[in-house]
C-alpha atoms as a PDB file:
ATOM      1  CA  MET A   1      14.496 -41.358  -3.167  1.00  0.00           C
ATOM      2  CA  ASP A   2      12.589 -42.472  -0.056  1.00  0.00           C
ATOM      3  CA  ARG A   3       8.976 -41.506   0.531  1.00  0.00           C
ATOM      4  CA  TRP A   4       9.765 -39.277   3.524  1.00  0.00           C
ATOM      5  CA  GLN A   5      12.183 -37.156   1.509  1.00  0.00           C
ATOM      6  CA  ALA A   6       9.735 -36.933  -1.398  1.00  0.00           C
ATOM      7  CA  MET A   7       6.991 -35.754   0.973  1.00  0.00           C
ATOM      8  CA  ARG A   8       9.364 -33.162   2.444  1.00  0.00           C
ATOM      9  CA  ILE A   9      10.138 -31.825  -1.046  1.00  0.00           C
ATOM     10  CA  PHE A  10       6.448 -31.799  -2.005  1.00  0.00           C
ATOM     11  CA  ALA A  11       5.503 -29.901   1.167  1.00  0.00           C
ATOM     12  CA  LYS A  12       8.177 -27.263   0.529  1.00  0.00           C
ATOM     13  CA  VAL A  13       6.949 -26.769  -3.069  1.00  0.00           C
ATOM     14  CA  ALA A  14       3.420 -26.338  -1.705  1.00  0.00           C
ATOM     15  CA  GLU A  15       4.629 -23.715   0.781  1.00  0.00           C
ATOM     16  CA  THR A  16       6.765 -21.735  -1.675  1.00  0.00           C
ATOM     17  CA  ALA A  17       4.616 -22.270  -4.797  1.00  0.00           C
ATOM     18  CA  SER A  18       7.898 -22.616  -6.665  1.00  0.00           C
ATOM     19  CA  PHE A  19      10.015 -25.563  -7.795  1.00  0.00           C
ATOM     20  CA  SER A  20      13.102 -23.373  -8.230  1.00  0.00           C
ATOM     21  CA  GLU A  21      12.759 -21.732  -4.810  1.00  0.00           C
ATOM     22  CA  THR A  22      12.323 -25.151  -3.217  1.00  0.00           C
ATOM     23  CA  ALA A  23      15.483 -26.340  -4.948  1.00  0.00           C
ATOM     24  CA  ARG A  24      17.384 -23.346  -3.566  1.00  0.00           C
ATOM     25  CA  LEU A  25      16.088 -23.796  -0.006  1.00  0.00           C
ATOM     26  CA  LEU A  26      16.779 -27.549   0.041  1.00  0.00           C
ATOM     27  CA  HIS A  27      20.126 -27.259  -1.778  1.00  0.00           C
ATOM     28  CA  MET A  28      18.939 -29.412  -4.662  1.00  0.00           C
ATOM     29  CA  SER A  29      18.830 -29.000  -8.421  1.00  0.00           C
ATOM     30  CA  PRO A  30      15.470 -27.945  -9.940  1.00  0.00           C
ATOM     31  CA  PRO A  31      15.290 -31.145 -12.055  1.00  0.00           C
ATOM     32  CA  ALA A  32      15.733 -33.240  -8.900  1.00  0.00           C
ATOM     33  CA  VAL A  33      12.816 -31.439  -7.251  1.00  0.00           C
ATOM     34  CA  THR A  34      10.667 -31.967 -10.351  1.00  0.00           C
ATOM     35  CA  ARG A  35      11.539 -35.675 -10.463  1.00  0.00           C
ATOM     36  CA  ALA A  36      10.730 -36.147  -6.771  1.00  0.00           C
ATOM     37  CA  VAL A  37       7.272 -34.604  -7.146  1.00  0.00           C
ATOM     38  CA  ALA A  38       6.594 -36.536 -10.353  1.00  0.00           C
ATOM     39  CA  ALA A  39       7.578 -39.810  -8.656  1.00  0.00           C
ATOM     40  CA  LEU A  40       5.290 -39.002  -5.737  1.00  0.00           C
ATOM     41  CA  GLU A  41       2.375 -38.261  -8.082  1.00  0.00           C
ATOM     42  CA  GLU A  42       2.981 -41.545  -9.877  1.00  0.00           C
ATOM     43  CA  ALA A  43       3.140 -43.515  -6.631  1.00  0.00           C
ATOM     44  CA  ILE A  44      -0.041 -41.887  -5.298  1.00  0.00           C
ATOM     45  CA  GLY A  45      -1.866 -41.979  -8.622  1.00  0.00           C
ATOM     46  CA  ALA A  46      -3.054 -38.388  -8.392  1.00  0.00           C
ATOM     47  CA  ARG A  47      -1.931 -35.042  -9.736  1.00  0.00           C
ATOM     48  CA  LEU A  48      -0.728 -32.804  -6.898  1.00  0.00           C
ATOM     49  CA  PHE A  49       0.009 -29.524  -8.702  1.00  0.00           C
ATOM     50  CA  VAL A  50      -1.340 -27.508 -11.597  1.00  0.00           C
ATOM     51  CA  ARG A  51       1.730 -26.090 -13.318  1.00  0.00           C
ATOM     52  CA  THR A  52       1.880 -23.191 -15.761  1.00  0.00           C
ATOM     53  CA  THR A  53       4.796 -21.090 -16.945  1.00  0.00           C
ATOM     54  CA  ARG A  54       3.869 -18.489 -14.307  1.00  0.00           C
ATOM     55  CA  SER A  55       2.462 -20.373 -11.349  1.00  0.00           C
ATOM     56  CA  VAL A  56       2.393 -23.585  -9.335  1.00  0.00           C
ATOM     57  CA  LYS A  57      -0.868 -24.319  -7.513  1.00  0.00           C
ATOM     58  CA  LEU A  58      -2.079 -27.287  -5.503  1.00  0.00           C
ATOM     59  CA  THR A  59      -4.885 -29.368  -6.927  1.00  0.00           C
ATOM     60  CA  GLU A  60      -7.773 -30.285  -4.635  1.00  0.00           C
ATOM     61  CA  ALA A  61      -6.156 -33.675  -4.024  1.00  0.00           C
ATOM     62  CA  GLY A  62      -2.799 -31.949  -3.539  1.00  0.00           C
ATOM     63  CA  GLY A  63      -4.267 -29.652  -0.900  1.00  0.00           C
ATOM     64  CA  ARG A  64      -5.594 -32.592   1.122  1.00  0.00           C
ATOM     65  CA  TYR A  65      -2.327 -34.470   0.730  1.00  0.00           C
ATOM     66  CA  TYR A  66      -0.352 -31.402   1.844  1.00  0.00           C
ATOM     67  CA  GLU A  67      -2.282 -31.208   5.133  1.00  0.00           C
ATOM     68  CA  ASP A  68      -1.608 -34.901   5.738  1.00  0.00           C
ATOM     69  CA  CYS A  69       2.075 -34.446   4.868  1.00  0.00           C
ATOM     70  CA  ARG A  70       2.435 -31.551   7.296  1.00  0.00           C
ATOM     71  CA  ARG A  71       1.066 -33.689  10.115  1.00  0.00           C
ATOM     72  CA  ILE A  72       3.194 -36.709   9.221  1.00  0.00           C
ATOM     73  CA  LEU A  73       6.394 -34.683   8.825  1.00  0.00           C
ATOM     74  CA  ALA A  74       5.745 -32.897  12.125  1.00  0.00           C
ATOM     75  CA  ASP A  75       5.302 -36.273  13.829  1.00  0.00           C
ATOM     76  CA  ILE A  76       8.608 -37.470  12.386  1.00  0.00           C
ATOM     77  CA  VAL A  77      10.427 -34.318  13.528  1.00  0.00           C
ATOM     78  CA  GLU A  78       8.871 -34.639  16.982  1.00  0.00           C
ATOM     79  CA  ALA A  79       9.909 -38.281  17.263  1.00  0.00           C
ATOM     80  CA  GLU A  80      13.471 -37.549  16.205  1.00  0.00           C
ATOM     81  CA  ALA A  81      13.752 -34.511  18.457  1.00  0.00           C
ATOM     82  CA  ALA A  82      12.315 -36.398  21.409  1.00  0.00           C
ATOM     83  CA  ALA A  83      14.875 -39.131  20.869  1.00  0.00           C
ATOM     84  CA  ALA A  84      17.625 -36.524  20.842  1.00  0.00           C
ATOM     85  CA  GLY A  85      16.273 -34.834  23.947  1.00  0.00           C
ATOM     86  CA  SER A  86      15.563 -31.430  22.367  1.00  0.00           C
ATOM     87  CA  TYR A  87      11.948 -31.505  23.550  1.00  0.00           C
ATOM     88  CA  ALA A  88      13.136 -31.885  27.113  1.00  0.00           C
ATOM     89  CA  THR A  89      16.101 -29.491  27.119  1.00  0.00           C
ATOM     90  CA  PRO A  90      16.633 -26.355  24.980  1.00  0.00           C
ATOM     91  CA  SER A  91      19.258 -27.021  22.333  1.00  0.00           C
ATOM     92  CA  GLY A  92      20.421 -25.730  18.968  1.00  0.00           C
ATOM     93  CA  THR A  93      19.843 -22.260  17.517  1.00  0.00           C
ATOM     94  CA  LEU A  94      16.766 -20.135  18.175  1.00  0.00           C
ATOM     95  CA  ALA A  95      15.674 -17.846  15.317  1.00  0.00           C
ATOM     96  CA  VAL A  96      13.581 -14.805  16.302  1.00  0.00           C
ATOM     97  CA  THR A  97      12.130 -12.036  14.146  1.00  0.00           C
ATOM     98  CA  ALA A  98      10.560  -8.649  14.899  1.00  0.00           C
ATOM     99  CA  SER A  99      10.394  -5.192  13.338  1.00  0.00           C
ATOM    100  CA  VAL A 100      13.635  -3.197  13.487  1.00  0.00           C
ATOM    101  CA  LEU A 101      13.028  -0.765  16.340  1.00  0.00           C
ATOM    102  CA  PHE A 102      10.843  -3.114  18.359  1.00  0.00           C
ATOM    103  CA  GLY A 103      13.457  -5.816  17.979  1.00  0.00           C
ATOM    104  CA  GLN A 104      16.329  -3.597  19.038  1.00  0.00           C
ATOM    105  CA  MET A 105      14.472  -1.972  21.942  1.00  0.00           C
ATOM    106  CA  HIS A 106      12.391  -4.784  23.394  1.00  0.00           C
ATOM    107  CA  VAL A 107      13.245  -8.181  21.881  1.00  0.00           C
ATOM    108  CA  LEU A 108      17.044  -8.148  21.883  1.00  0.00           C
ATOM    109  CA  PRO A 109      17.275  -7.751  25.702  1.00  0.00           C
ATOM    110  CA  ILE A 110      15.000 -10.791  26.064  1.00  0.00           C
ATOM    111  CA  VAL A 111      17.139 -12.799  23.642  1.00  0.00           C
ATOM    112  CA  THR A 112      20.381 -11.979  25.452  1.00  0.00           C
ATOM    113  CA  ASP A 113      18.848 -12.802  28.834  1.00  0.00           C
ATOM    114  CA  TYR A 114      17.596 -16.076  27.376  1.00  0.00           C
ATOM    115  CA  LEU A 115      21.111 -16.930  26.216  1.00  0.00           C
ATOM    116  CA  ASP A 116      22.385 -16.156  29.703  1.00  0.00           C
ATOM    117  CA  ASP A 117      19.807 -18.598  31.124  1.00  0.00           C
ATOM    118  CA  TYR A 118      20.693 -21.296  28.565  1.00  0.00           C
ATOM    119  CA  PRO A 119      24.440 -20.987  27.802  1.00  0.00           C
ATOM    120  CA  SER A 120      24.417 -23.978  25.446  1.00  0.00           C
ATOM    121  CA  MET A 121      21.927 -22.235  23.143  1.00  0.00           C
ATOM    122  CA  ALA A 122      22.706 -19.913  20.222  1.00  0.00           C
ATOM    123  CA  ALA A 123      20.351 -17.351  18.702  1.00  0.00           C
ATOM    124  CA  ARG A 124      19.769 -15.637  15.365  1.00  0.00           C
ATOM    125  CA  THR A 125      17.699 -12.449  15.107  1.00  0.00           C
ATOM    126  CA  LEU A 126      16.047 -11.038  11.997  1.00  0.00           C
ATOM    127  CA  PHE A 127      14.904  -7.482  12.681  1.00  0.00           C
ATOM    128  CA  VAL A 128      13.266  -6.119   9.525  1.00  0.00           C
ATOM    129  CA  ASP A 129      10.312  -3.848   8.753  1.00  0.00           C
ATOM    130  CA  ARG A 130       8.507  -6.363   6.577  1.00  0.00           C
ATOM    131  CA  GLN A 131       6.292  -9.385   7.100  1.00  0.00           C
ATOM    132  CA  VAL A 132       8.619 -12.374   7.378  1.00  0.00           C
ATOM    133  CA  ASN A 133       7.459 -15.768   6.125  1.00  0.00           C
ATOM    134  CA  ILE A 134       8.186 -17.811   9.224  1.00  0.00           C
ATOM    135  CA  VAL A 135       8.265 -21.175   7.486  1.00  0.00           C
ATOM    136  CA  GLU A 136      10.308 -20.178   4.440  1.00  0.00           C
ATOM    137  CA  GLU A 137      12.887 -18.212   6.403  1.00  0.00           C
ATOM    138  CA  GLY A 138      13.382 -20.774   9.152  1.00  0.00           C
ATOM    139  CA  ILE A 139      12.040 -18.652  12.014  1.00  0.00           C
ATOM    140  CA  ASP A 140      11.133 -20.220  15.358  1.00  0.00           C
ATOM    141  CA  VAL A 141       9.385 -17.237  16.994  1.00  0.00           C
ATOM    142  CA  ALA A 142       8.017 -13.960  15.602  1.00  0.00           C
ATOM    143  CA  ILE A 143       6.841 -10.908  17.516  1.00  0.00           C
ATOM    144  CA  ARG A 144       4.142  -9.286  15.391  1.00  0.00           C
ATOM    145  CA  ILE A 145       2.498  -5.879  15.748  1.00  0.00           C
ATOM    146  CA  GLY A 146      -0.920  -5.525  14.129  1.00  0.00           C
ATOM    147  CA  HIS A 147      -3.940  -7.679  13.434  1.00  0.00           C
ATOM    148  CA  LEU A 148      -2.988 -11.216  12.434  1.00  0.00           C
ATOM    149  CA  ALA A 149      -4.164 -13.108   9.401  1.00  0.00           C
ATOM    150  CA  ASP A 150      -5.534 -16.608  10.013  1.00  0.00           C
ATOM    151  CA  SER A 151      -2.360 -18.668   9.600  1.00  0.00           C
ATOM    152  CA  GLY A 152      -2.968 -21.645  11.871  1.00  0.00           C
ATOM    153  CA  PHE A 153       0.068 -20.614  13.943  1.00  0.00           C
ATOM    154  CA  THR A 154       0.024 -20.340  17.722  1.00  0.00           C
ATOM    155  CA  ALA A 155      -0.286 -16.680  18.792  1.00  0.00           C
ATOM    156  CA  VAL A 156      -0.156 -15.284  22.331  1.00  0.00           C
ATOM    157  CA  ARG A 157      -1.242 -11.678  22.821  1.00  0.00           C
ATOM    158  CA  VAL A 158       1.208  -9.779  25.019  1.00  0.00           C
ATOM    159  CA  GLY A 159       0.160  -6.129  24.698  1.00  0.00           C
ATOM    160  CA  ALA A 160      -0.788  -3.319  22.364  1.00  0.00           C
ATOM    161  CA  VAL A 161       0.734  -0.111  21.040  1.00  0.00           C
ATOM    162  CA  ARG A 162      -0.699   3.182  19.870  1.00  0.00           C
ATOM    163  CA  ARG A 163      -0.040   4.817  16.532  1.00  0.00           C
ATOM    164  CA  VAL A 164       0.606   8.475  17.371  1.00  0.00           C
ATOM    165  CA  VAL A 165       1.349  11.826  15.728  1.00  0.00           C
ATOM    166  CA  CYS A 166       4.183  13.684  17.420  1.00  0.00           C
ATOM    167  CA  GLY A 167       6.536  16.631  17.152  1.00  0.00           C
ATOM    168  CA  ALA A 168       9.061  18.603  19.172  1.00  0.00           C
ATOM    169  CA  PRO A 169       7.968  21.416  21.525  1.00  0.00           C
ATOM    170  CA  ALA A 170      10.126  23.848  19.501  1.00  0.00           C
ATOM    171  CA  TYR A 171       8.212  22.950  16.333  1.00  0.00           C
ATOM    172  CA  PHE A 172       4.853  23.605  17.994  1.00  0.00           C
ATOM    173  CA  GLU A 173       6.085  26.972  19.267  1.00  0.00           C
ATOM    174  CA  ARG A 174       6.898  28.033  15.700  1.00  0.00           C
ATOM    175  CA  HIS A 175       4.046  26.405  13.774  1.00  0.00           C
ATOM    176  CA  GLY A 176       1.246  25.809  16.273  1.00  0.00           C
ATOM    177  CA  VAL A 177      -0.422  22.595  17.398  1.00  0.00           C
ATOM    178  CA  PRO A 178      -2.841  20.766  15.072  1.00  0.00           C
ATOM    179  CA  GLN A 179      -6.267  20.564  16.677  1.00  0.00           C
ATOM    180  CA  THR A 180      -7.893  18.102  14.263  1.00  0.00           C
ATOM    181  CA  PRO A 181      -6.532  15.547  11.784  1.00  0.00           C
ATOM    182  CA  GLN A 182      -7.438  17.860   8.898  1.00  0.00           C
ATOM    183  CA  ASP A 183      -4.989  20.448  10.293  1.00  0.00           C
ATOM    184  CA  LEU A 184      -2.115  18.129   9.345  1.00  0.00           C
ATOM    185  CA  LYS A 185      -2.406  19.368   5.766  1.00  0.00           C
ATOM    186  CA  ASP A 186      -0.910  22.652   6.976  1.00  0.00           C
ATOM    187  CA  HIS A 187       2.109  21.064   8.679  1.00  0.00           C
ATOM    188  CA  ARG A 188       5.449  19.734   7.490  1.00  0.00           C
ATOM    189  CA  ILE A 189       5.498  15.921   7.610  1.00  0.00           C
ATOM    190  CA  ALA A 190       8.337  13.384   7.797  1.00  0.00           C
ATOM    191  CA  MET A 191       7.297   9.844   6.862  1.00  0.00           C
ATOM    192  CA  SER A 192       8.895   6.408   6.622  1.00  0.00           C
ATOM    193  CA  THR A 193       8.563   3.911   3.795  1.00  0.00           C
ATOM    194  CA  GLY A 194       8.749   1.046   6.292  1.00  0.00           C
ATOM    195  CA  ALA A 195       5.958  -0.762   8.095  1.00  0.00           C
ATOM    196  CA  TRP A 196       2.643   1.122   8.382  1.00  0.00           C
ATOM    197  CA  ALA A 197       3.791   3.594   5.723  1.00  0.00           C
ATOM    198  CA  SER A 198       0.921   5.156   3.817  1.00  0.00           C
ATOM    199  CA  PRO A 199       0.143   8.757   2.889  1.00  0.00           C
ATOM    200  CA  GLU A 200      -3.420   8.093   4.059  1.00  0.00           C
ATOM    201  CA  TRP A 201      -3.423   8.471   7.815  1.00  0.00           C
ATOM    202  CA  ARG A 202      -6.455   6.971   9.514  1.00  0.00           C
ATOM    203  CA  PHE A 203      -7.978   8.150  12.744  1.00  0.00           C
ATOM    204  CA  ALA A 204     -10.914   7.268  14.985  1.00  0.00           C
ATOM    205  CA  GLN A 205     -14.449   7.215  13.569  1.00  0.00           C
ATOM    206  CA  ASP A 206     -13.017   6.359  10.140  1.00  0.00           C
ATOM    207  CA  GLN A 207     -11.498   9.811   9.639  1.00  0.00           C
ATOM    208  CA  ARG A 208      -8.839   9.798   6.924  1.00  0.00           C
ATOM    209  CA  VAL A 209      -6.308  12.428   5.933  1.00  0.00           C
ATOM    210  CA  THR A 210      -3.967  12.214   2.963  1.00  0.00           C
ATOM    211  CA  VAL A 211      -0.684  13.834   3.950  1.00  0.00           C
ATOM    212  CA  HIS A 212       1.981  15.075   1.560  1.00  0.00           C
ATOM    213  CA  PRO A 213       5.306  14.405   3.292  1.00  0.00           C
ATOM    214  CA  ALA A 214       8.132  16.801   2.561  1.00  0.00           C
ATOM    215  CA  LEU A 215      10.594  14.180   3.820  1.00  0.00           C
ATOM    216  CA  VAL A 216      10.374  10.449   3.107  1.00  0.00           C
ATOM    217  CA  SER A 217      12.994   8.070   4.505  1.00  0.00           C
ATOM    218  CA  ASN A 218      13.429   4.315   4.536  1.00  0.00           C
ATOM    219  CA  THR A 219      13.578   3.957   8.329  1.00  0.00           C
ATOM    220  CA  ASN A 220      11.246   4.891  11.162  1.00  0.00           C
ATOM    221  CA  ALA A 221      14.246   6.122  13.131  1.00  0.00           C
ATOM    222  CA  ALA A 222      15.007   8.806  10.532  1.00  0.00           C
ATOM    223  CA  GLY A 223      11.488  10.232  10.638  1.00  0.00           C
ATOM    224  CA  ILE A 224      11.572  10.267  14.428  1.00  0.00           C
ATOM    225  CA  ALA A 225      14.984  11.969  14.400  1.00  0.00           C
ATOM    226  CA  ALA A 226      13.610  14.687  12.114  1.00  0.00           C
ATOM    227  CA  ALA A 227      10.728  15.256  14.507  1.00  0.00           C
ATOM    228  CA  VAL A 228      13.040  15.388  17.538  1.00  0.00           C
ATOM    229  CA  ALA A 229      15.133  18.003  15.724  1.00  0.00           C
ATOM    230  CA  GLY A 230      12.047  20.203  15.392  1.00  0.00           C
ATOM    231  CA  TRP A 231      11.906  19.835  11.617  1.00  0.00           C
ATOM    232  CA  GLY A 232       8.308  18.613  11.361  1.00  0.00           C
ATOM    233  CA  LEU A 233       5.711  16.114  12.518  1.00  0.00           C
ATOM    234  CA  THR A 234       5.857  12.349  12.129  1.00  0.00           C
ATOM    235  CA  ARG A 235       3.690   9.345  12.897  1.00  0.00           C
ATOM    236  CA  ALA A 236       5.148   6.479  14.882  1.00  0.00           C
ATOM    237  CA  LEU A 237       4.215   3.619  17.136  1.00  0.00           C
ATOM    238  CA  HIS A 238       4.156   4.763  20.738  1.00  0.00           C
ATOM    239  CA  TYR A 239       6.978   2.506  21.962  1.00  0.00           C
ATOM    240  CA  GLN A 240       9.319   3.902  19.291  1.00  0.00           C
ATOM    241  CA  ILE A 241       9.326   7.354  20.855  1.00  0.00           C
ATOM    242  CA  GLY A 242       9.201   6.322  24.516  1.00  0.00           C
ATOM    243  CA  PRO A 243      12.619   7.758  25.499  1.00  0.00           C
ATOM    244  CA  ALA A 244      11.998  11.024  23.636  1.00  0.00           C
ATOM    245  CA  LEU A 245       8.603  11.400  25.337  1.00  0.00           C
ATOM    246  CA  ARG A 246      10.040  10.809  28.795  1.00  0.00           C
ATOM    247  CA  GLU A 247      12.790  13.346  28.181  1.00  0.00           C
ATOM    248  CA  GLY A 248      10.368  15.975  26.809  1.00  0.00           C
ATOM    249  CA  ARG A 249      11.975  16.008  23.355  1.00  0.00           C
ATOM    250  CA  LEU A 250       8.719  14.947  21.690  1.00  0.00           C
ATOM    251  CA  ARG A 251       5.075  15.595  22.403  1.00  0.00           C
ATOM    252  CA  ILE A 252       2.053  13.628  21.182  1.00  0.00           C
ATOM    253  CA  VAL A 253      -0.803  15.529  19.548  1.00  0.00           C
ATOM    254  CA  LEU A 254      -4.283  14.518  18.354  1.00  0.00           C
ATOM    255  CA  ALA A 255      -4.414  11.763  20.994  1.00  0.00           C
ATOM    256  CA  GLU A 256      -8.206  12.031  21.200  1.00  0.00           C
ATOM    257  CA  TYR A 257      -8.446  11.105  17.501  1.00  0.00           C
ATOM    258  CA  GLU A 258      -6.303   7.968  17.646  1.00  0.00           C
ATOM    259  CA  GLU A 259      -7.531   4.608  16.377  1.00  0.00           C
ATOM    260  CA  GLU A 260      -7.694   1.617  18.720  1.00  0.00           C
ATOM    261  CA  PRO A 261      -4.213   0.379  19.732  1.00  0.00           C
ATOM    262  CA  LEU A 262      -2.587  -2.311  17.586  1.00  0.00           C
ATOM    263  CA  PRO A 263      -2.180  -5.725  19.250  1.00  0.00           C
ATOM    264  CA  ILE A 264       1.213  -7.365  19.834  1.00  0.00           C
ATOM    265  CA  HIS A 265       1.501 -11.153  19.573  1.00  0.00           C
ATOM    266  CA  VAL A 266       4.235 -13.716  20.095  1.00  0.00           C
ATOM    267  CA  VAL A 267       3.781 -16.172  17.222  1.00  0.00           C
ATOM    268  CA  HIS A 268       5.264 -19.591  16.513  1.00  0.00           C
ATOM    269  CA  PRO A 269       4.245 -22.291  14.045  1.00  0.00           C
ATOM    270  CA  GLU A 270       4.618 -25.481  16.063  1.00  0.00           C
ATOM    271  CA  GLY A 271       1.830 -25.307  18.633  1.00  0.00           C
ATOM    272  CA  ARG A 272       1.900 -27.948  21.343  1.00  0.00           C
ATOM    273  CA  GLN A 273       4.665 -29.769  19.493  1.00  0.00           C
ATOM    274  CA  ALA A 274       7.111 -26.894  19.902  1.00  0.00           C
ATOM    275  CA  PRO A 275      10.579 -27.960  21.070  1.00  0.00           C
ATOM    276  CA  ALA A 276      11.956 -26.872  24.402  1.00  0.00           C
ATOM    277  CA  LYS A 277      13.956 -23.986  22.919  1.00  0.00           C
ATOM    278  CA  VAL A 278      10.726 -22.434  21.592  1.00  0.00           C
ATOM    279  CA  ARG A 279       8.591 -23.134  24.660  1.00  0.00           C
ATOM    280  CA  THR A 280      11.122 -21.683  27.086  1.00  0.00           C
ATOM    281  CA  PHE A 281      11.741 -18.584  24.980  1.00  0.00           C
ATOM    282  CA  VAL A 282       8.035 -17.946  24.440  1.00  0.00           C
ATOM    283  CA  ASP A 283       7.419 -18.211  28.190  1.00  0.00           C
ATOM    284  CA  LEU A 284      10.145 -15.647  28.879  1.00  0.00           C
ATOM    285  CA  ALA A 285       9.091 -13.297  26.074  1.00  0.00           C
ATOM    286  CA  VAL A 286       5.413 -13.362  27.076  1.00  0.00           C
ATOM    287  CA  SER A 287       6.248 -12.609  30.702  1.00  0.00           C
ATOM    288  CA  ARG A 288       8.650  -9.775  29.897  1.00  0.00           C
ATOM    289  CA  LEU A 289       6.550  -8.090  27.211  1.00  0.00           C
ATOM    290  CA  ARG A 290       3.365  -8.213  29.275  1.00  0.00           C
ATOM    291  CA  ALA A 291       5.217  -6.525  32.130  1.00  0.00           C
ATOM    292  CA  ASN A 292       6.403  -3.642  29.924  1.00  0.00           C
ATOM    293  CA  PRO A 293       4.267  -0.538  30.653  1.00  0.00           C
ATOM    294  CA  LEU A 294       5.034   0.963  27.228  1.00  0.00           C
ATOM    295  CA  LEU A 295       3.260  -1.960  25.575  1.00  0.00           C
ATOM    296  CA  ASP A 296      -0.073  -1.946  27.396  1.00  0.00           C
ATOM    297  CA  GLY A 297      -1.831   0.280  24.854  1.00  0.00           C
ATOM    298  CA  GLY A 298      -2.525   3.004  27.438  1.00  0.00           C
ATOM    299  CA  LYS A 299      -2.242   6.788  27.166  1.00  0.00           C
ATOM    300  CA  HIS A 300       1.279   7.042  28.567  1.00  0.00           C
ATOM    301  CA  GLY A 301       3.207  10.152  27.699  1.00  0.00           C
ATOM    302  CA  THR A 302       0.385  12.137  26.091  1.00  0.00           C
END
């Protein structure tokens, strides 16, 4: 096995912390992955991983070697792509991820317009309410809501969204309007098990209320639908209820107690070495999302 391929296998094991997962992702047998890493360790003369029955961790030398491998492999990919012209002209398939409702409402229209602009391109979307591992799942661009961990990826801030408590006017007529966060204990709550789901709702000035939802569903859309129907209150990100707010089917309460808006970023892992398909899509996405008034973190629709 050549050194480049061995380095590629080693880097994938370092990223997944698993020989078996690396074998699955690279369509290899687990013994072949083990042999490749062992051969690399022998050639280098240093142990790269500490292996136990439960974990695979980089040694100190392995950690330094991994950073060097990442740079070398990126240079190889860049050289090959440049030779093929992909750094000059968008080509191939673009993979984009976002949360379910944000993806459907705000990212999908950008993706389809992008495909109209570049007819030779194809696209794959992954809209899920979980944190996607960009590297492991082969994602080119992610749109993330919330504060970012330090990943070394390139991130461009494009807006912010509020986390709001809302209900239907008919519900408030029957049950009254909560005046403080503590009043939520006296109201019927619908909650999602998706992103941001927690029975402890936080508000400004570190106020916290533990709610006891009478309805728990696996999608944000279901909780919002229950609120629109006048069944109870729910908590959602502001953009998720934009149409219902405009049409008067939902009303935001406790706006004065809200935490600071959550930032929205367009994230990609390749920095200045990003191929044309990523650069052109990021440019379009940043422009479109920044121009969206629902995503500026303001007090629209209160």
